[in-house]
C-alpha atoms as a PDB file:
ATOM      1  CA  UNK A   1     116.427 113.605  56.960  1.00  0.00           C
ATOM      2  CA  UNK A   2     114.784 109.907  56.545  1.00  0.00           C
ATOM      3  CA  UNK A   3     112.740 108.135  58.921  1.00  0.00           C
ATOM      4  CA  UNK A   4     115.437 105.609  60.175  1.00  0.00           C
ATOM      5  CA  UNK A   5     117.996 108.730  61.410  1.00  0.00           C
ATOM      6  CA  UNK A   6     114.872 110.666  62.473  1.00  0.00           C
ATOM      7  CA  UNK A   7     114.410 107.320  64.984  1.00  0.00           C
ATOM      8  CA  UNK A   8     117.859 106.784  65.627  1.00  0.00           C
ATOM      9  CA  UNK A   9     117.973 110.563  66.922  1.00  0.00           C
ATOM     10  CA  UNK A  10     114.567 110.773  68.443  1.00  0.00           C
ATOM     11  CA  UNK A  11     115.995 107.183  70.991  1.00  0.00           C
ATOM     12  CA  UNK A  12     118.942 109.038  71.589  1.00  0.00           C
ATOM     13  CA  UNK A  13     117.291 112.303  72.675  1.00  0.00           C
ATOM     14  CA  UNK A  14     114.815 109.661  74.899  1.00  0.00           C
ATOM     15  CA  UNK A  15     117.877 108.108  76.480  1.00  0.00           C
ATOM     16  CA  UNK A  16     119.400 111.601  77.704  1.00  0.00           C
ATOM     17  CA  UNK A  17     116.011 112.824  78.720  1.00  0.00           C
ATOM     18  CA  UNK A  18     115.692 109.351  80.788  1.00  0.00           C
ATOM     19  CA  UNK A  19     118.616 109.710  82.703  1.00  0.00           C
ATOM     20  CA  UNK A  20     118.507 113.596  83.483  1.00  0.00           C
ATOM     21  CA  UNK A  21     115.106 113.010  84.740  1.00  0.00           C
ATOM     22  CA  UNK A  22     115.403 109.570  86.598  1.00  0.00           C
ATOM     23  CA  UNK A  23     116.988 111.073  89.851  1.00  0.00           C
ATOM     24  CA  UNK A  24     114.036 113.774  90.067  1.00  0.00           C
ATOM     25  CA  UNK A  25     111.472 111.252  89.688  1.00  0.00           C
ATOM     26  CA  UNK A  26     112.693 108.814  91.762  1.00  0.00           C
ATOM     27  CA  UNK A  27     112.489 111.159  94.434  1.00  0.00           C
ATOM     28  CA  UNK A  28     109.236 112.217  94.065  1.00  0.00           C
ATOM     29  CA  UNK A  29     108.050 108.733  93.934  1.00  0.00           C
ATOM     30  CA  UNK A  30     109.662 108.662  97.626  1.00  0.00           C
ATOM     31  CA  UNK A  31     107.953 111.657  98.763  1.00  0.00           C
ATOM     32  CA  UNK A  32     104.614 110.357  99.716  1.00  0.00           C
ATOM     33  CA  UNK A  33     105.778 106.881 102.093  1.00  0.00           C
ATOM     34  CA  UNK A  34     108.581 104.508 101.874  1.00  0.00           C
ATOM     35  CA  UNK A  35     108.461 101.944  99.160  1.00  0.00           C
ATOM     36  CA  UNK A  36     110.848  99.043  97.825  1.00  0.00           C
ATOM     37  CA  UNK A  37     112.140  99.306  94.064  1.00  0.00           C
ATOM     38  CA  UNK A  38     109.290  97.198  92.450  1.00  0.00           C
ATOM     39  CA  UNK A  39     106.870  99.851  93.815  1.00  0.00           C
ATOM     40  CA  UNK A  40     109.410 102.226  92.386  1.00  0.00           C
ATOM     41  CA  UNK A  41     108.919 100.846  89.485  1.00  0.00           C
ATOM     42  CA  UNK A  42     105.250 100.765  89.522  1.00  0.00           C
ATOM     43  CA  UNK A  43     105.523 104.534  90.224  1.00  0.00           C
ATOM     44  CA  UNK A  44     107.118 105.249  86.751  1.00  0.00           C
ATOM     45  CA  UNK A  45     104.894 102.559  85.175  1.00  0.00           C
ATOM     46  CA  UNK A  46     101.735 104.247  85.895  1.00  0.00           C
ATOM     47  CA  UNK A  47     103.085 108.011  86.662  1.00  0.00           C
ATOM     48  CA  UNK A  48     105.318 108.347  83.742  1.00  0.00           C
ATOM     49  CA  UNK A  49     105.318 105.483  81.914  1.00  0.00           C
ATOM     50  CA  UNK A  50     107.248 106.986  78.755  1.00  0.00           C
ATOM     51  CA  UNK A  51     110.109 106.496  80.800  1.00  0.00           C
ATOM     52  CA  UNK A  52     110.918 102.895  81.115  1.00  0.00           C
ATOM     53  CA  UNK A  53     113.541 102.323  83.579  1.00  0.00           C
ATOM     54  CA  UNK A  54     115.060  99.476  84.601  1.00  0.00           C
ATOM     55  CA  UNK A  55     115.918  98.026  87.983  1.00  0.00           C
ATOM     56  CA  UNK A  56     119.833  98.658  87.538  1.00  0.00           C
ATOM     57  CA  UNK A  57     119.237 102.270  86.872  1.00  0.00           C
ATOM     58  CA  UNK A  58     116.809 102.457  89.876  1.00  0.00           C
ATOM     59  CA  UNK A  59     119.316 100.764  92.307  1.00  0.00           C
ATOM     60  CA  UNK A  60     122.580 102.928  90.927  1.00  0.00           C
ATOM     61  CA  UNK A  61     120.874 106.089  91.683  1.00  0.00           C
ATOM     62  CA  UNK A  62     119.401 104.837  94.969  1.00  0.00           C
ATOM     63  CA  UNK A  63     122.823 103.875  96.108  1.00  0.00           C
ATOM     64  CA  UNK A  64     123.931 107.532  95.038  1.00  0.00           C
ATOM     65  CA  UNK A  65     121.423 109.096  96.900  1.00  0.00           C
ATOM     66  CA  UNK A  66     122.191 106.911 100.067  1.00  0.00           C
ATOM     67  CA  UNK A  67     125.967 107.616 100.017  1.00  0.00           C
ATOM     68  CA  UNK A  68     124.385 111.509  99.765  1.00  0.00           C
ATOM     69  CA  UNK A  69     122.316 110.944 102.867  1.00  0.00           C
ATOM     70  CA  UNK A  70     118.959 111.796 100.778  1.00  0.00           C
ATOM     71  CA  UNK A  71     117.523 108.393 101.089  1.00  0.00           C
ATOM     72  CA  UNK A  72     117.602 105.902 103.711  1.00  0.00           C
ATOM     73  CA  UNK A  73     116.312 102.113 103.592  1.00  0.00           C
ATOM     74  CA  UNK A  74     115.180  99.595 106.393  1.00  0.00           C
ATOM     75  CA  UNK A  75     115.529  95.779 105.555  1.00  0.00           C
ATOM     76  CA  UNK A  76     112.051  94.370 105.483  1.00  0.00           C
ATOM     77  CA  UNK A  77     111.476  90.653 106.071  1.00  0.00           C
ATOM     78  CA  UNK A  78     110.032  88.590 103.219  1.00  0.00           C
ATOM     79  CA  UNK A  79     107.835  85.419 104.201  1.00  0.00           C
ATOM     80  CA  UNK A  80     108.374  84.117 101.105  1.00  0.00           C
ATOM     81  CA  UNK A  81     112.231  84.814 100.050  1.00  0.00           C
ATOM     82  CA  UNK A  82     115.263  87.154 100.911  1.00  0.00           C
ATOM     83  CA  UNK A  83     114.890  90.600 102.997  1.00  0.00           C
ATOM     84  CA  UNK A  84     114.432  93.329 100.753  1.00  0.00           C
ATOM     85  CA  UNK A  85     115.237  97.358 101.456  1.00  0.00           C
ATOM     86  CA  UNK A  86     112.069 100.069 101.520  1.00  0.00           C
ATOM     87  CA  UNK A  87     113.466 103.215 100.405  1.00  0.00           C
ATOM     88  CA  UNK A  88     112.545 106.354 102.054  1.00  0.00           C
ATOM     89  CA  UNK A  89     113.562 110.350 101.652  1.00  0.00           C
ATOM     90  CA  UNK A  90     115.280 111.528 104.340  1.00  0.00           C
ATOM     91  CA  UNK A  91     114.950 115.156 106.182  1.00  0.00           C
ATOM     92  CA  UNK A  92     117.548 115.920 103.551  1.00  0.00           C
ATOM     93  CA  UNK A  93     116.316 114.454 100.866  1.00  0.00           C
ATOM     94  CA  UNK A  94     112.702 116.083 101.754  1.00  0.00           C
ATOM     95  CA  UNK A  95     114.295 119.808 102.211  1.00  0.00           C
ATOM     96  CA  UNK A  96     116.496 118.948  98.863  1.00  0.00           C
ATOM     97  CA  UNK A  97     113.548 117.591  96.555  1.00  0.00           C
ATOM     98  CA  UNK A  98     111.498 120.912  97.614  1.00  0.00           C
ATOM     99  CA  UNK A  99     113.687 123.216  96.644  1.00  0.00           C
ATOM    100  CA  UNK A 100     114.645 121.563  93.749  1.00  0.00           C
ATOM    101  CA  UNK A 101     111.337 121.591  92.555  1.00  0.00           C
ATOM    102  CA  UNK A 102     110.432 125.092  93.609  1.00  0.00           C
ATOM    103  CA  UNK A 103     113.370 126.178  91.542  1.00  0.00           C
ATOM    104  CA  UNK A 104     113.580 124.294  88.663  1.00  0.00           C
ATOM    105  CA  UNK A 105     110.194 122.475  88.134  1.00  0.00           C
ATOM    106  CA  UNK A 106     107.564 125.056  89.637  1.00  0.00           C
ATOM    107  CA  UNK A 107     109.014 128.321  87.462  1.00  0.00           C
ATOM    108  CA  UNK A 108     109.224 126.398  84.236  1.00  0.00           C
ATOM    109  CA  UNK A 109     106.560 123.764  83.735  1.00  0.00           C
ATOM    110  CA  UNK A 110     103.831 126.393  85.633  1.00  0.00           C
ATOM    111  CA  UNK A 111     104.998 129.633  83.759  1.00  0.00           C
ATOM    112  CA  UNK A 112     102.309 130.243  80.761  1.00  0.00           C
ATOM    113  CA  UNK A 113     105.282 131.454  78.632  1.00  0.00           C
ATOM    114  CA  UNK A 114     107.077 128.013  78.965  1.00  0.00           C
ATOM    115  CA  UNK A 115     103.423 126.969  78.157  1.00  0.00           C
ATOM    116  CA  UNK A 116     103.236 128.643  74.992  1.00  0.00           C
ATOM    117  CA  UNK A 117     106.644 128.110  73.637  1.00  0.00           C
ATOM    118  CA  UNK A 118     106.111 124.231  73.935  1.00  0.00           C
ATOM    119  CA  UNK A 119     102.763 124.646  72.662  1.00  0.00           C
ATOM    120  CA  UNK A 120     104.277 126.509  69.185  1.00  0.00           C
ATOM    121  CA  UNK A 121     107.195 124.129  69.494  1.00  0.00           C
ATOM    122  CA  UNK A 122     104.356 121.036  69.011  1.00  0.00           C
ATOM    123  CA  UNK A 123     102.516 122.543  65.802  1.00  0.00           C
END
């Protein structure tokens, strides 16, 4: 394989990873307190810089979660422009996130066996 095809494959893998992780990290960003979309983007930049997420994807995911009753929003008045939505987890969303983390994240990412597999794969 040449470097060009490696680059293309890596970009494809990164895009698949981004799509699969967006919902989880969006819910994690809302865990501590309600925030608006620009703060969600800042959260990603600060805590997960490799995941360059556009606002359109965030809004689409928030709408899907809102329709499912996992997040809710309130309208906040802006002194310098239009009102904006501040999103937060509902009780259902908090329960769902906690269950998901305990079933799918904690046993995987905090397992010594998995840690060794990943370290071996990186060498």
